[in-house]
N, C-alpha and C. Protein backbone atom coordinates (compact mmCIF):
# COMPACT_ATOMS: atom_id res chain seq x y z
N MET A 1 0.83 -1.21 0.00
CA MET A 1 0.00 0.00 0.00
C MET A 1 0.87 1.27 0.00
N GLN A 2 1.93 1.24 0.80
CA GLN A 2 2.85 2.37 0.86
C GLN A 2 3.56 2.57 -0.48
N ASN A 3 3.86 1.45 -1.13
CA ASN A 3 4.50 1.49 -2.44
C ASN A 3 3.59 2.17 -3.46
N PHE A 4 2.30 1.81 -3.41
CA PHE A 4 1.32 2.41 -4.34
C PHE A 4 1.15 3.90 -4.06
N SER A 5 1.10 4.26 -2.78
CA SER A 5 0.97 5.67 -2.40
C SER A 5 2.18 6.47 -2.89
N ASN A 6 3.36 5.87 -2.80
CA ASN A 6 4.57 6.52 -3.29
C ASN A 6 4.51 6.73 -4.80
N LEU A 7 3.99 5.72 -5.51
CA LEU A 7 3.86 5.82 -6.97
C LEU A 7 2.89 6.93 -7.35
N VAL A 8 1.77 7.03 -6.63
CA VAL A 8 0.79 8.08 -6.91
C VAL A 8 1.40 9.46 -6.72
N LYS A 9 2.19 9.62 -5.68
CA LYS A 9 2.85 10.91 -5.43
C LYS A 9 3.84 11.26 -6.55
N LEU A 10 4.55 10.24 -7.03
CA LEU A 10 5.52 10.48 -8.11
C LEU A 10 4.81 10.87 -9.40
N VAL A 11 3.69 10.19 -9.69
CA VAL A 11 2.93 10.52 -10.90
C VAL A 11 2.38 11.94 -10.80
N ARG A 12 1.86 12.29 -9.63
CA ARG A 12 1.35 13.65 -9.43
C ARG A 12 2.46 14.68 -9.61
N ALA A 13 3.65 14.35 -9.12
CA ALA A 13 4.79 15.26 -9.27
C ALA A 13 5.17 15.45 -10.73
N GLU A 14 5.05 14.37 -11.52
CA GLU A 14 5.36 14.46 -12.95
C GLU A 14 4.44 15.47 -13.64
N PHE A 15 3.15 15.40 -13.33
CA PHE A 15 2.20 16.31 -13.96
C PHE A 15 2.38 17.74 -13.47
N GLN A 16 2.72 17.91 -12.21
CA GLN A 16 2.98 19.25 -11.67
C GLN A 16 4.20 19.88 -12.32
N LEU A 17 5.24 19.07 -12.52
CA LEU A 17 6.44 19.57 -13.21
C LEU A 17 6.14 19.94 -14.65
N ASP A 18 5.27 19.15 -15.29
CA ASP A 18 4.92 19.40 -16.69
C ASP A 18 4.17 20.72 -16.83
N LEU A 19 3.33 21.04 -15.84
CA LEU A 19 2.59 22.30 -15.89
C LEU A 19 3.53 23.50 -15.78
N LYS A 20 4.69 23.29 -15.16
CA LYS A 20 5.66 24.38 -15.01
C LYS A 20 6.52 24.56 -16.26
N LYS A 21 6.56 23.55 -17.12
CA LYS A 21 7.36 23.65 -18.37
C LYS A 21 6.54 23.11 -19.55
N PRO A 22 5.50 23.86 -19.92
CA PRO A 22 4.61 23.40 -20.99
C PRO A 22 5.20 23.55 -22.39
N ALA A 23 6.39 24.12 -22.49
CA ALA A 23 6.96 24.41 -23.81
C ALA A 23 7.20 23.15 -24.64
N VAL A 24 7.61 22.04 -23.99
CA VAL A 24 7.92 20.81 -24.72
C VAL A 24 6.66 20.26 -25.38
N LEU A 25 5.57 20.19 -24.63
CA LEU A 25 4.32 19.67 -25.17
C LEU A 25 3.75 20.63 -26.22
N ALA A 26 3.83 21.92 -25.94
CA ALA A 26 3.33 22.91 -26.90
C ALA A 26 4.12 22.86 -28.20
N ALA A 27 5.43 22.64 -28.11
CA ALA A 27 6.26 22.55 -29.32
C ALA A 27 5.87 21.32 -30.15
N ALA A 28 5.59 20.20 -29.47
CA ALA A 28 5.17 18.99 -30.19
C ALA A 28 3.84 19.21 -30.89
N LEU A 29 2.90 19.87 -30.21
CA LEU A 29 1.59 20.15 -30.81
C LEU A 29 1.71 21.10 -32.00
N LEU A 30 2.56 22.11 -31.86
CA LEU A 30 2.76 23.06 -32.95
C LEU A 30 3.41 22.39 -34.15
N GLN A 31 4.41 21.55 -33.90
CA GLN A 31 5.07 20.82 -34.98
C GLN A 31 4.08 19.89 -35.67
N MET A 32 3.24 19.24 -34.89
CA MET A 32 2.23 18.32 -35.43
C MET A 32 1.24 19.06 -36.32
N ALA A 33 0.75 20.21 -35.84
CA ALA A 33 -0.20 20.99 -36.61
C ALA A 33 0.42 21.51 -37.91
N THR A 34 1.67 21.94 -37.83
CA THR A 34 2.37 22.46 -39.01
C THR A 34 2.57 21.38 -40.06
N MET A 35 3.03 20.20 -39.63
CA MET A 35 3.28 19.11 -40.57
C MET A 35 1.98 18.61 -41.20
N THR A 36 0.91 18.55 -40.40
CA THR A 36 -0.39 18.12 -40.93
C THR A 36 -0.91 19.11 -41.96
N LEU A 37 -0.79 20.41 -41.66
CA LEU A 37 -1.24 21.44 -42.60
C LEU A 37 -0.43 21.39 -43.89
N LEU A 38 0.88 21.20 -43.78
CA LEU A 38 1.72 21.12 -44.98
C LEU A 38 1.36 19.90 -45.82
N ALA A 39 1.08 18.77 -45.14
CA ALA A 39 0.67 17.56 -45.87
C ALA A 39 -0.64 17.79 -46.61
N PHE A 40 -1.56 18.50 -45.96
CA PHE A 40 -2.85 18.78 -46.59
C PHE A 40 -2.70 19.73 -47.77
N LEU A 41 -1.89 20.77 -47.60
CA LEU A 41 -1.72 21.75 -48.68
C LEU A 41 -0.99 21.17 -49.89
N SER A 42 -0.06 20.25 -49.63
CA SER A 42 0.69 19.66 -50.73
C SER A 42 -0.14 18.64 -51.51
N GLN A 43 -1.05 17.94 -50.82
CA GLN A 43 -1.87 16.93 -51.47
C GLN A 43 -3.22 16.84 -50.74
N PRO A 44 -4.19 17.69 -51.12
CA PRO A 44 -5.47 17.72 -50.39
C PRO A 44 -6.25 16.41 -50.46
N ASN A 45 -6.20 15.75 -51.60
CA ASN A 45 -6.96 14.51 -51.78
C ASN A 45 -6.01 13.32 -51.79
N ILE A 46 -6.00 12.58 -50.69
CA ILE A 46 -5.12 11.42 -50.57
C ILE A 46 -5.95 10.19 -50.30
N ASN A 47 -5.43 9.02 -50.69
CA ASN A 47 -6.15 7.80 -50.41
C ASN A 47 -5.94 7.36 -48.96
N ALA A 48 -6.67 6.34 -48.57
CA ALA A 48 -6.69 5.93 -47.16
C ALA A 48 -5.32 5.44 -46.67
N LYS A 49 -4.60 4.70 -47.51
CA LYS A 49 -3.30 4.16 -47.08
C LYS A 49 -2.25 5.26 -46.91
N VAL A 50 -2.29 6.25 -47.78
CA VAL A 50 -1.39 7.39 -47.62
C VAL A 50 -1.74 8.16 -46.36
N TRP A 51 -3.03 8.31 -46.08
CA TRP A 51 -3.51 8.96 -44.85
C TRP A 51 -2.93 8.25 -43.63
N SER A 52 -3.01 6.93 -43.63
CA SER A 52 -2.52 6.14 -42.50
C SER A 52 -1.00 6.29 -42.34
N SER A 53 -0.28 6.23 -43.46
CA SER A 53 1.18 6.35 -43.40
C SER A 53 1.61 7.71 -42.88
N LEU A 54 0.98 8.77 -43.39
CA LEU A 54 1.31 10.11 -42.92
C LEU A 54 1.00 10.28 -41.44
N PHE A 55 -0.11 9.69 -41.00
CA PHE A 55 -0.50 9.80 -39.59
C PHE A 55 0.59 9.22 -38.69
N TRP A 56 1.08 8.03 -39.02
CA TRP A 56 2.08 7.39 -38.18
C TRP A 56 3.42 8.13 -38.24
N ILE A 57 3.81 8.58 -39.42
CA ILE A 57 5.09 9.29 -39.55
C ILE A 57 5.09 10.57 -38.71
N ILE A 58 4.04 11.35 -38.85
CA ILE A 58 3.95 12.61 -38.10
C ILE A 58 3.88 12.35 -36.61
N LEU A 59 3.11 11.33 -36.21
CA LEU A 59 2.97 11.02 -34.79
C LEU A 59 4.32 10.64 -34.17
N ILE A 60 5.07 9.78 -34.84
CA ILE A 60 6.34 9.30 -34.29
C ILE A 60 7.34 10.45 -34.12
N PHE A 61 7.52 11.23 -35.16
CA PHE A 61 8.56 12.26 -35.12
C PHE A 61 8.18 13.45 -34.23
N CYS A 62 6.89 13.69 -34.08
CA CYS A 62 6.47 14.82 -33.24
C CYS A 62 6.44 14.45 -31.76
N THR A 63 6.29 13.17 -31.46
CA THR A 63 6.23 12.76 -30.05
C THR A 63 7.58 12.31 -29.51
N LEU A 64 8.54 12.04 -30.39
CA LEU A 64 9.83 11.51 -29.95
C LEU A 64 10.51 12.42 -28.94
N GLN A 65 10.65 13.69 -29.27
CA GLN A 65 11.33 14.61 -28.37
C GLN A 65 10.52 14.87 -27.11
N ALA A 66 9.19 14.94 -27.25
CA ALA A 66 8.34 15.23 -26.09
C ALA A 66 8.45 14.15 -25.03
N ILE A 67 8.50 12.87 -25.43
CA ILE A 67 8.53 11.78 -24.46
C ILE A 67 9.95 11.48 -24.01
N SER A 68 10.92 11.49 -24.93
CA SER A 68 12.29 11.14 -24.56
C SER A 68 12.91 12.17 -23.62
N LYS A 69 12.36 13.39 -23.59
CA LYS A 69 12.86 14.41 -22.67
C LYS A 69 12.31 14.24 -21.26
N ASN A 70 11.63 13.12 -21.04
CA ASN A 70 11.07 12.81 -19.72
C ASN A 70 12.14 12.81 -18.64
N PHE A 71 13.34 12.35 -18.99
CA PHE A 71 14.45 12.28 -18.05
C PHE A 71 15.47 13.40 -18.26
N LEU A 72 15.12 14.37 -19.10
CA LEU A 72 16.11 15.37 -19.49
C LEU A 72 16.64 16.18 -18.30
N GLY A 73 15.76 16.52 -17.35
CA GLY A 73 16.18 17.33 -16.21
C GLY A 73 16.76 16.54 -15.06
N VAL A 74 16.93 15.22 -15.25
CA VAL A 74 17.42 14.37 -14.16
C VAL A 74 18.95 14.28 -14.25
N ASN A 75 19.63 15.14 -13.51
CA ASN A 75 21.10 15.08 -13.46
C ASN A 75 21.54 14.07 -12.40
N ARG A 76 22.85 13.97 -12.21
CA ARG A 76 23.37 12.96 -11.28
C ARG A 76 22.87 13.18 -9.85
N ALA A 77 22.84 14.45 -9.43
CA ALA A 77 22.37 14.75 -8.08
C ALA A 77 20.93 14.33 -7.89
N ARG A 78 20.12 14.56 -8.91
CA ARG A 78 18.71 14.17 -8.80
C ARG A 78 18.54 12.66 -8.86
N TRP A 79 19.39 11.97 -9.63
CA TRP A 79 19.36 10.50 -9.64
C TRP A 79 19.59 9.97 -8.23
N ILE A 80 20.58 10.54 -7.54
CA ILE A 80 20.89 10.10 -6.17
C ILE A 80 19.73 10.40 -5.24
N TYR A 81 19.12 11.57 -5.41
CA TYR A 81 17.97 11.96 -4.58
C TYR A 81 16.81 11.00 -4.81
N PHE A 82 16.51 10.70 -6.06
CA PHE A 82 15.43 9.76 -6.38
C PHE A 82 15.72 8.38 -5.80
N ASN A 83 16.99 7.99 -5.83
CA ASN A 83 17.38 6.67 -5.32
C ASN A 83 17.08 6.53 -3.84
N GLN A 84 17.19 7.63 -3.09
CA GLN A 84 16.87 7.62 -1.67
C GLN A 84 15.36 7.77 -1.43
N LEU A 85 14.70 8.41 -2.36
CA LEU A 85 13.29 8.73 -2.19
C LEU A 85 12.36 7.56 -2.47
N SER A 86 12.70 6.75 -3.47
CA SER A 86 11.76 5.73 -3.94
C SER A 86 12.52 4.58 -4.60
N PRO A 87 11.93 3.38 -4.61
CA PRO A 87 12.54 2.27 -5.35
C PRO A 87 12.53 2.55 -6.85
N PRO A 88 13.50 2.01 -7.59
CA PRO A 88 13.62 2.34 -9.01
C PRO A 88 12.39 2.00 -9.84
N GLN A 89 11.69 0.90 -9.51
CA GLN A 89 10.53 0.54 -10.32
C GLN A 89 9.43 1.59 -10.24
N ASN A 90 9.31 2.26 -9.08
CA ASN A 90 8.31 3.31 -8.96
C ASN A 90 8.65 4.53 -9.82
N ILE A 91 9.94 4.87 -9.86
CA ILE A 91 10.37 5.98 -10.71
C ILE A 91 10.08 5.66 -12.17
N LEU A 92 10.42 4.44 -12.58
CA LEU A 92 10.17 4.03 -13.96
C LEU A 92 8.69 4.05 -14.29
N TRP A 93 7.87 3.49 -13.41
CA TRP A 93 6.43 3.43 -13.66
C TRP A 93 5.82 4.83 -13.73
N SER A 94 6.28 5.73 -12.87
CA SER A 94 5.74 7.10 -12.89
C SER A 94 6.08 7.78 -14.21
N LYS A 95 7.31 7.58 -14.69
CA LYS A 95 7.71 8.17 -15.97
C LYS A 95 6.94 7.54 -17.13
N MET A 96 6.72 6.22 -17.06
CA MET A 96 6.00 5.54 -18.13
C MET A 96 4.53 5.95 -18.15
N ILE A 97 3.90 6.08 -16.99
CA ILE A 97 2.51 6.52 -16.93
C ILE A 97 2.37 7.92 -17.51
N TYR A 98 3.31 8.78 -17.14
CA TYR A 98 3.30 10.13 -17.70
C TYR A 98 3.52 10.08 -19.23
N GLY A 99 4.43 9.20 -19.67
CA GLY A 99 4.66 9.04 -21.10
C GLY A 99 3.44 8.55 -21.84
N TRP A 100 2.72 7.58 -21.25
CA TRP A 100 1.49 7.07 -21.86
C TRP A 100 0.44 8.17 -21.98
N PHE A 101 0.31 8.97 -20.92
CA PHE A 101 -0.68 10.05 -20.94
C PHE A 101 -0.33 11.07 -22.03
N THR A 102 0.94 11.44 -22.11
CA THR A 102 1.37 12.42 -23.11
C THR A 102 1.18 11.88 -24.52
N MET A 103 1.53 10.62 -24.72
CA MET A 103 1.35 9.99 -26.04
C MET A 103 -0.12 9.96 -26.42
N THR A 104 -0.99 9.63 -25.47
CA THR A 104 -2.43 9.59 -25.74
C THR A 104 -2.95 10.96 -26.12
N LEU A 105 -2.52 11.98 -25.39
CA LEU A 105 -2.95 13.35 -25.68
C LEU A 105 -2.50 13.79 -27.06
N LEU A 106 -1.25 13.53 -27.40
CA LEU A 106 -0.72 13.92 -28.71
C LEU A 106 -1.37 13.12 -29.84
N THR A 107 -1.66 11.85 -29.57
CA THR A 107 -2.32 11.02 -30.59
C THR A 107 -3.72 11.52 -30.88
N LEU A 108 -4.48 11.86 -29.84
CA LEU A 108 -5.82 12.40 -30.03
C LEU A 108 -5.77 13.72 -30.79
N ALA A 109 -4.78 14.56 -30.46
CA ALA A 109 -4.62 15.83 -31.17
C ALA A 109 -4.31 15.58 -32.65
N ASN A 110 -3.46 14.60 -32.91
CA ASN A 110 -3.11 14.26 -34.30
C ASN A 110 -4.33 13.73 -35.06
N LEU A 111 -5.13 12.91 -34.40
CA LEU A 111 -6.35 12.39 -35.02
C LEU A 111 -7.32 13.51 -35.36
N LEU A 112 -7.49 14.46 -34.43
CA LEU A 112 -8.39 15.58 -34.66
C LEU A 112 -7.91 16.43 -35.83
N LEU A 113 -6.61 16.67 -35.89
CA LEU A 113 -6.05 17.47 -36.99
C LEU A 113 -6.24 16.76 -38.33
N PHE A 114 -5.94 15.47 -38.36
CA PHE A 114 -6.11 14.71 -39.60
C PHE A 114 -7.58 14.64 -40.00
N GLY A 115 -8.45 14.42 -39.01
CA GLY A 115 -9.88 14.36 -39.30
C GLY A 115 -10.41 15.68 -39.85
N PHE A 116 -9.90 16.79 -39.31
CA PHE A 116 -10.36 18.10 -39.75
C PHE A 116 -9.88 18.43 -41.15
N PHE A 117 -8.62 18.17 -41.44
CA PHE A 117 -8.04 18.55 -42.73
C PHE A 117 -8.24 17.50 -43.82
N MET A 118 -8.14 16.22 -43.46
CA MET A 118 -8.11 15.18 -44.48
C MET A 118 -9.16 14.08 -44.30
N GLY A 119 -10.10 14.30 -43.40
CA GLY A 119 -11.17 13.32 -43.21
C GLY A 119 -10.71 12.15 -42.35
N PHE A 120 -11.63 11.20 -42.18
CA PHE A 120 -11.35 10.04 -41.33
C PHE A 120 -11.78 8.78 -42.08
N PRO A 121 -10.85 8.15 -42.81
CA PRO A 121 -11.22 7.04 -43.70
C PRO A 121 -11.34 5.67 -43.02
N ILE A 122 -11.21 5.61 -41.70
CA ILE A 122 -11.24 4.32 -41.00
C ILE A 122 -12.63 3.70 -41.13
N GLN A 123 -12.66 2.44 -41.57
CA GLN A 123 -13.93 1.73 -41.76
C GLN A 123 -14.35 0.94 -40.52
N HIS A 124 -13.40 0.59 -39.69
CA HIS A 124 -13.70 -0.24 -38.51
C HIS A 124 -13.05 0.40 -37.27
N PRO A 125 -13.73 1.39 -36.68
CA PRO A 125 -13.15 2.16 -35.57
C PRO A 125 -12.73 1.32 -34.36
N MET A 126 -13.51 0.29 -34.03
CA MET A 126 -13.19 -0.50 -32.83
C MET A 126 -11.81 -1.16 -32.96
N ALA A 127 -11.60 -1.85 -34.07
CA ALA A 127 -10.30 -2.51 -34.29
C ALA A 127 -9.19 -1.48 -34.40
N TYR A 128 -9.48 -0.36 -35.07
CA TYR A 128 -8.47 0.67 -35.26
C TYR A 128 -8.01 1.25 -33.92
N PHE A 129 -8.97 1.58 -33.05
CA PHE A 129 -8.61 2.21 -31.77
C PHE A 129 -7.98 1.21 -30.80
N CYS A 130 -8.35 -0.06 -30.88
CA CYS A 130 -7.67 -1.07 -30.07
C CYS A 130 -6.20 -1.14 -30.45
N ASN A 131 -5.95 -1.18 -31.75
CA ASN A 131 -4.57 -1.23 -32.24
C ASN A 131 -3.82 0.05 -31.89
N LEU A 132 -4.46 1.19 -32.11
CA LEU A 132 -3.83 2.48 -31.85
C LEU A 132 -3.44 2.63 -30.38
N THR A 133 -4.33 2.21 -29.48
CA THR A 133 -4.06 2.32 -28.04
C THR A 133 -2.84 1.51 -27.64
N LEU A 134 -2.75 0.28 -28.16
CA LEU A 134 -1.62 -0.59 -27.82
C LEU A 134 -0.31 -0.08 -28.41
N VAL A 135 -0.36 0.38 -29.64
CA VAL A 135 0.87 0.90 -30.28
C VAL A 135 1.36 2.15 -29.55
N VAL A 136 0.43 3.03 -29.20
CA VAL A 136 0.80 4.26 -28.49
C VAL A 136 1.42 3.94 -27.13
N ALA A 137 0.86 2.96 -26.42
CA ALA A 137 1.43 2.55 -25.13
C ALA A 137 2.85 2.01 -25.31
N GLY A 138 3.06 1.22 -26.35
CA GLY A 138 4.39 0.68 -26.62
C GLY A 138 5.40 1.76 -26.97
N ILE A 139 4.98 2.71 -27.81
CA ILE A 139 5.88 3.81 -28.19
C ILE A 139 6.25 4.64 -26.97
N GLY A 140 5.26 4.93 -26.12
CA GLY A 140 5.53 5.71 -24.91
C GLY A 140 6.52 5.02 -23.99
N SER A 141 6.39 3.69 -23.86
CA SER A 141 7.31 2.93 -23.01
C SER A 141 8.73 2.94 -23.57
N ILE A 142 8.85 2.75 -24.89
CA ILE A 142 10.18 2.75 -25.51
C ILE A 142 10.84 4.11 -25.39
N PHE A 143 10.11 5.16 -25.71
CA PHE A 143 10.68 6.51 -25.63
C PHE A 143 11.12 6.85 -24.21
N THR A 144 10.36 6.39 -23.22
CA THR A 144 10.71 6.67 -21.81
C THR A 144 12.01 5.97 -21.44
N LEU A 145 12.13 4.68 -21.77
CA LEU A 145 13.35 3.94 -21.44
C LEU A 145 14.56 4.49 -22.18
N ILE A 146 14.40 4.75 -23.47
CA ILE A 146 15.51 5.29 -24.26
C ILE A 146 15.92 6.67 -23.74
N GLY A 147 14.93 7.45 -23.32
CA GLY A 147 15.24 8.76 -22.74
C GLY A 147 16.09 8.64 -21.49
N ALA A 148 15.80 7.62 -20.66
CA ALA A 148 16.59 7.39 -19.45
C ALA A 148 18.02 7.00 -19.80
N ILE A 149 18.18 6.12 -20.78
CA ILE A 149 19.53 5.70 -21.21
C ILE A 149 20.31 6.87 -21.78
N ALA A 150 19.66 7.66 -22.63
CA ALA A 150 20.34 8.80 -23.26
C ALA A 150 20.73 9.85 -22.23
N THR A 151 19.87 10.08 -21.25
CA THR A 151 20.18 11.05 -20.20
C THR A 151 21.35 10.58 -19.35
N LYS A 152 21.38 9.29 -19.06
CA LYS A 152 22.48 8.74 -18.28
C LYS A 152 23.81 8.89 -19.01
N ALA A 153 23.76 8.87 -20.32
CA ALA A 153 24.97 9.03 -21.13
C ALA A 153 25.28 10.50 -21.42
N ASN A 154 24.46 11.41 -20.86
CA ASN A 154 24.63 12.86 -21.05
C ASN A 154 24.53 13.27 -22.52
N GLN A 155 23.75 12.49 -23.29
CA GLN A 155 23.57 12.81 -24.71
C GLN A 155 22.10 12.67 -25.08
N ALA A 156 21.21 13.22 -24.25
CA ALA A 156 19.78 13.00 -24.43
C ALA A 156 19.27 13.47 -25.79
N GLY A 157 19.70 14.67 -26.21
CA GLY A 157 19.19 15.20 -27.46
C GLY A 157 19.63 14.43 -28.68
N PHE A 158 20.83 13.84 -28.63
CA PHE A 158 21.38 13.13 -29.79
C PHE A 158 21.02 11.65 -29.79
N LEU A 159 21.19 10.99 -28.64
CA LEU A 159 21.02 9.54 -28.58
C LEU A 159 19.57 9.08 -28.65
N ALA A 160 18.66 9.87 -28.09
CA ALA A 160 17.26 9.44 -28.03
C ALA A 160 16.68 9.10 -29.42
N PRO A 161 16.81 9.98 -30.43
CA PRO A 161 16.29 9.62 -31.76
C PRO A 161 17.03 8.45 -32.38
N VAL A 162 18.35 8.41 -32.20
CA VAL A 162 19.16 7.36 -32.82
C VAL A 162 18.80 5.98 -32.26
N LEU A 163 18.62 5.88 -30.95
CA LEU A 163 18.32 4.60 -30.32
C LEU A 163 16.86 4.21 -30.44
N SER A 164 15.96 5.19 -30.46
CA SER A 164 14.53 4.89 -30.41
C SER A 164 13.99 4.32 -31.72
N LEU A 165 14.37 4.93 -32.83
CA LEU A 165 13.75 4.56 -34.10
C LEU A 165 13.96 3.09 -34.48
N PRO A 166 15.18 2.52 -34.36
CA PRO A 166 15.30 1.09 -34.67
C PRO A 166 14.50 0.19 -33.73
N VAL A 167 14.36 0.61 -32.46
CA VAL A 167 13.66 -0.22 -31.49
C VAL A 167 12.16 -0.24 -31.75
N ILE A 168 11.59 0.91 -32.15
CA ILE A 168 10.14 0.95 -32.35
C ILE A 168 9.72 0.43 -33.72
N LEU A 169 10.69 0.18 -34.61
CA LEU A 169 10.36 -0.23 -35.98
C LEU A 169 9.47 -1.48 -36.04
N PRO A 170 9.79 -2.58 -35.33
CA PRO A 170 8.90 -3.76 -35.39
C PRO A 170 7.49 -3.45 -34.90
N LEU A 171 7.39 -2.68 -33.83
CA LEU A 171 6.08 -2.31 -33.29
C LEU A 171 5.28 -1.49 -34.29
N ILE A 172 5.94 -0.53 -34.92
CA ILE A 172 5.27 0.34 -35.89
C ILE A 172 4.83 -0.45 -37.12
N LEU A 173 5.69 -1.35 -37.60
CA LEU A 173 5.35 -2.13 -38.80
C LEU A 173 4.11 -2.99 -38.58
N VAL A 174 4.06 -3.66 -37.42
CA VAL A 174 2.88 -4.48 -37.11
C VAL A 174 1.65 -3.59 -36.91
N GLY A 175 1.84 -2.46 -36.22
CA GLY A 175 0.73 -1.54 -35.99
C GLY A 175 0.19 -0.95 -37.28
N MET A 176 1.08 -0.59 -38.21
CA MET A 176 0.64 -0.05 -39.50
C MET A 176 -0.08 -1.12 -40.32
N GLN A 177 0.40 -2.36 -40.23
CA GLN A 177 -0.25 -3.45 -40.95
C GLN A 177 -1.68 -3.64 -40.46
N ALA A 178 -1.86 -3.59 -39.14
CA ALA A 178 -3.20 -3.72 -38.57
C ALA A 178 -4.07 -2.51 -38.95
N SER A 179 -3.48 -1.32 -38.92
CA SER A 179 -4.23 -0.10 -39.27
C SER A 179 -4.72 -0.16 -40.71
N ASN A 180 -3.86 -0.62 -41.61
CA ASN A 180 -4.24 -0.69 -43.02
C ASN A 180 -5.40 -1.65 -43.25
N LYS A 181 -5.47 -2.70 -42.44
CA LYS A 181 -6.57 -3.66 -42.58
C LYS A 181 -7.90 -3.07 -42.14
N THR A 182 -7.86 -2.06 -41.25
CA THR A 182 -9.12 -1.42 -40.82
C THR A 182 -9.63 -0.40 -41.82
N LEU A 183 -8.86 -0.16 -42.89
CA LEU A 183 -9.28 0.77 -43.92
C LEU A 183 -10.18 0.11 -44.95
N ASN A 184 -10.18 -1.23 -44.99
CA ASN A 184 -10.97 -1.96 -45.98
C ASN A 184 -12.43 -2.03 -45.56
N PRO A 185 -13.35 -2.02 -46.52
CA PRO A 185 -14.77 -2.14 -46.18
C PRO A 185 -15.10 -3.42 -45.42
N VAL A 186 -14.42 -4.51 -45.77
CA VAL A 186 -14.62 -5.79 -45.08
C VAL A 186 -13.41 -6.03 -44.17
N LEU A 187 -13.68 -6.20 -42.88
CA LEU A 187 -12.59 -6.38 -41.92
C LEU A 187 -11.99 -7.77 -42.05
N VAL A 188 -10.68 -7.82 -42.25
CA VAL A 188 -9.97 -9.10 -42.34
C VAL A 188 -9.77 -9.64 -40.93
N SER A 189 -10.09 -10.91 -40.73
CA SER A 189 -10.02 -11.49 -39.37
C SER A 189 -8.61 -11.49 -38.79
N SER A 190 -7.61 -11.51 -39.67
CA SER A 190 -6.22 -11.55 -39.19
C SER A 190 -5.80 -10.26 -38.50
N VAL A 191 -6.63 -9.21 -38.59
CA VAL A 191 -6.29 -7.96 -37.92
C VAL A 191 -6.18 -8.17 -36.41
N TRP A 192 -7.01 -9.08 -35.87
CA TRP A 192 -6.97 -9.33 -34.42
C TRP A 192 -5.69 -10.07 -34.03
N ASN A 193 -5.16 -10.87 -34.95
CA ASN A 193 -3.85 -11.50 -34.69
C ASN A 193 -2.75 -10.45 -34.61
N ASP A 194 -2.83 -9.45 -35.51
CA ASP A 194 -1.85 -8.36 -35.48
C ASP A 194 -1.97 -7.56 -34.18
N ILE A 195 -3.20 -7.29 -33.76
CA ILE A 195 -3.42 -6.53 -32.53
C ILE A 195 -2.90 -7.32 -31.33
N ALA A 196 -3.13 -8.64 -31.33
CA ALA A 196 -2.61 -9.48 -30.24
C ALA A 196 -1.09 -9.46 -30.22
N LEU A 197 -0.48 -9.45 -31.41
CA LEU A 197 0.99 -9.39 -31.49
C LEU A 197 1.51 -8.05 -30.96
N VAL A 198 0.80 -6.97 -31.27
CA VAL A 198 1.18 -5.66 -30.72
C VAL A 198 1.10 -5.68 -29.20
N GLY A 199 0.03 -6.29 -28.66
CA GLY A 199 -0.09 -6.41 -27.21
C GLY A 199 1.04 -7.22 -26.60
N ALA A 200 1.44 -8.30 -27.28
CA ALA A 200 2.56 -9.11 -26.79
C ALA A 200 3.87 -8.32 -26.82
N LEU A 201 4.07 -7.54 -27.87
CA LEU A 201 5.27 -6.69 -27.95
C LEU A 201 5.27 -5.65 -26.84
N ASP A 202 4.10 -5.10 -26.53
CA ASP A 202 4.00 -4.14 -25.42
C ASP A 202 4.42 -4.78 -24.11
N GLY A 203 3.93 -6.00 -23.86
CA GLY A 203 4.30 -6.70 -22.64
C GLY A 203 5.80 -6.96 -22.57
N LEU A 204 6.38 -7.36 -23.69
CA LEU A 204 7.83 -7.60 -23.74
C LEU A 204 8.61 -6.32 -23.49
N ILE A 205 8.14 -5.23 -24.06
CA ILE A 205 8.81 -3.93 -23.87
C ILE A 205 8.80 -3.52 -22.41
N VAL A 206 7.66 -3.67 -21.75
CA VAL A 206 7.55 -3.28 -20.33
C VAL A 206 8.45 -4.15 -19.47
N VAL A 207 8.46 -5.46 -19.73
CA VAL A 207 9.32 -6.37 -18.95
C VAL A 207 10.79 -6.01 -19.13
N LEU A 208 11.20 -5.79 -20.37
CA LEU A 208 12.60 -5.42 -20.63
C LEU A 208 12.95 -4.07 -20.00
N ALA A 209 11.99 -3.14 -20.02
CA ALA A 209 12.23 -1.83 -19.41
C ALA A 209 12.48 -1.96 -17.91
N VAL A 210 11.67 -2.79 -17.25
CA VAL A 210 11.83 -3.00 -15.80
C VAL A 210 13.18 -3.65 -15.50
N ILE A 211 13.56 -4.64 -16.33
CA ILE A 211 14.82 -5.36 -16.11
C ILE A 211 16.02 -4.44 -16.36
N LEU A 212 15.99 -3.70 -17.47
CA LEU A 212 17.13 -2.87 -17.85
C LEU A 212 17.27 -1.62 -16.99
N PHE A 213 16.16 -1.17 -16.41
CA PHE A 213 16.23 0.06 -15.62
C PHE A 213 16.94 -0.15 -14.29
N GLN A 214 16.92 -1.39 -13.78
CA GLN A 214 17.55 -1.67 -12.48
C GLN A 214 19.05 -1.36 -12.49
N PRO A 215 19.85 -1.95 -13.40
CA PRO A 215 21.28 -1.61 -13.42
C PRO A 215 21.54 -0.17 -13.83
N LEU A 216 20.69 0.37 -14.70
CA LEU A 216 20.85 1.76 -15.12
C LEU A 216 20.67 2.70 -13.94
N TRP A 217 19.72 2.37 -13.09
CA TRP A 217 19.41 3.18 -11.92
C TRP A 217 20.54 3.15 -10.89
N LYS A 218 21.14 1.98 -10.72
CA LYS A 218 22.17 1.82 -9.68
C LYS A 218 23.54 2.32 -10.13
N ASP A 219 23.68 2.56 -11.43
CA ASP A 219 24.99 2.99 -11.96
C ASP A 219 25.40 4.35 -11.37
């Protein structure tokens, strides 16, 4: 119970800190709106598969910096302070929960922008949103862990994009495959296999994050 209470306090602290530095989130939203508008102006009438591809590309590149900077302000002194304040798994979970929330917010904003400018060609919303939720959770987890590694190496701005993109590639490929299947008038049954695979990848990512964060934290 005390462990859970500690986690709640850490999550609350994450959101309070975010309110004090809204520039990162605002920059991601502005970049997202700009890229969506440019995509619309360059090609107003696009087919459903191009819509889906543009959505994922813009989402990944606009959220990368926003989530990976989760650990940006954590210097060595603060690492030591956190180490005395809470067990490492609570710190990781608080950062991941904050990352999931931020990813969800940015994803919804991206959907609204795409829907406003380029329509919403999804034929099967239930399958689409199940897949989208799982992929977004996986991306948030990866960006959070990579942000911690990059910050520990004192190269957060450079290492985060370099390390993140190869790691999220399998997740994105499966997620895009499932998304494309929801664009068809007739839903292909194999889409649920893809969604289950995305869920399994999410579980693997979380387990690896918990395992890898322990030695990183104690270093």
